[in-house]
């Protein structure tokens, strides 16, 4: 059995159509500060970098780091 641990930063935004949209970043830095995440999210909105389904990102909803432990079994 092999165990893998992965981390992902998930940033959730509100669109101008009142929908939530998430953008994830694999392997965020271990020492990532809340203020840096907030600044990056605000910059994404200000620069209008992403337009999911032609919608604008207009507000921050939440950010979280998700850690996943996966056990892989060799069956063959």
Protein backbone atom coordinates (compact mmCIF):
# COMPACT_ATOMS: atom_id res chain seq x y z
CA UNK A 1 0.00 0.00 0.00
CA UNK A 2 1.26 3.44 -0.90
CA UNK A 3 -0.11 6.58 0.71
CA UNK A 4 -0.11 9.92 -1.12
CA UNK A 5 -0.86 13.28 0.46
CA UNK A 6 -1.90 16.13 -1.83
CA UNK A 7 -2.74 19.76 -1.06
CA UNK A 8 -4.86 22.17 -3.04
CA UNK A 9 -5.80 25.82 -2.51
CA UNK A 10 -9.46 26.31 -3.43
CA UNK A 11 -10.59 29.92 -3.95
CA UNK A 12 -14.31 30.57 -4.33
CA UNK A 13 -15.73 33.71 -5.95
CA UNK A 14 -19.22 35.11 -6.54
CA UNK A 15 -20.07 36.02 -10.15
CA UNK A 16 -22.23 38.84 -11.45
CA UNK A 17 -24.94 36.20 -12.01
CA UNK A 18 -24.85 35.37 -8.27
CA UNK A 19 -23.19 31.98 -8.82
CA UNK A 20 -20.23 30.60 -6.92
CA UNK A 21 -17.18 29.61 -8.97
CA UNK A 22 -14.05 27.94 -7.61
CA UNK A 23 -10.49 28.12 -8.88
CA UNK A 24 -7.96 25.67 -7.47
CA UNK A 25 -4.18 25.70 -7.31
CA UNK A 26 -2.27 22.47 -6.73
CA UNK A 27 0.55 22.29 -4.18
CA UNK A 28 0.31 25.70 -2.51
CA UNK A 29 3.26 26.84 -0.39
CA UNK A 30 3.30 25.55 3.18
CA UNK A 31 3.75 29.03 4.66
CA UNK A 32 0.95 30.68 2.67
CA UNK A 33 -0.61 33.54 4.64
CA UNK A 34 -4.31 34.43 4.65
CA UNK A 35 -3.48 38.00 3.63
CA UNK A 36 -1.57 36.77 0.55
CA UNK A 37 -4.51 34.59 -0.53
CA UNK A 38 -6.94 37.49 -0.11
CA UNK A 39 -4.66 39.83 -2.08
CA UNK A 40 -4.31 37.30 -4.89
CA UNK A 41 -8.08 36.80 -5.06
CA UNK A 42 -8.68 40.56 -5.13
CA UNK A 43 -6.12 40.89 -7.94
CA UNK A 44 -7.87 38.14 -9.94
CA UNK A 45 -11.11 40.14 -9.68
CA UNK A 46 -9.47 43.50 -10.44
CA UNK A 47 -7.60 42.21 -13.51
CA UNK A 48 -10.70 40.36 -14.78
CA UNK A 49 -8.48 37.35 -15.51
CA UNK A 50 -11.19 34.67 -15.58
CA UNK A 51 -14.66 34.76 -17.13
CA UNK A 52 -16.41 31.44 -16.50
CA UNK A 53 -19.42 31.13 -18.81
CA UNK A 54 -18.91 34.79 -19.81
CA UNK A 55 -19.60 35.89 -16.21
CA UNK A 56 -17.47 38.34 -14.22
CA UNK A 57 -16.02 37.48 -10.85
CA UNK A 58 -17.24 40.20 -8.51
CA UNK A 59 -16.72 39.13 -4.87
CA UNK A 60 -14.70 36.87 -2.60
CA UNK A 61 -16.61 34.03 -0.96
CA UNK A 62 -14.01 31.81 0.71
CA UNK A 63 -10.61 30.21 0.43
CA UNK A 64 -9.43 26.95 1.90
CA UNK A 65 -6.57 24.51 1.67
CA UNK A 66 -7.77 20.96 1.10
CA UNK A 67 -5.48 18.11 2.13
CA UNK A 68 -6.26 14.68 0.72
CA UNK A 69 -4.78 11.38 1.91
CA UNK A 70 -5.05 8.66 -0.71
CA UNK A 71 -4.21 5.01 -0.11
CA UNK A 72 -3.31 3.14 -3.29
CA UNK A 73 -3.33 -0.64 -3.33
CA UNK A 74 -1.33 -2.78 -5.75
CA UNK A 75 -3.83 -5.42 -6.82
CA UNK A 76 -2.00 -7.04 -9.72
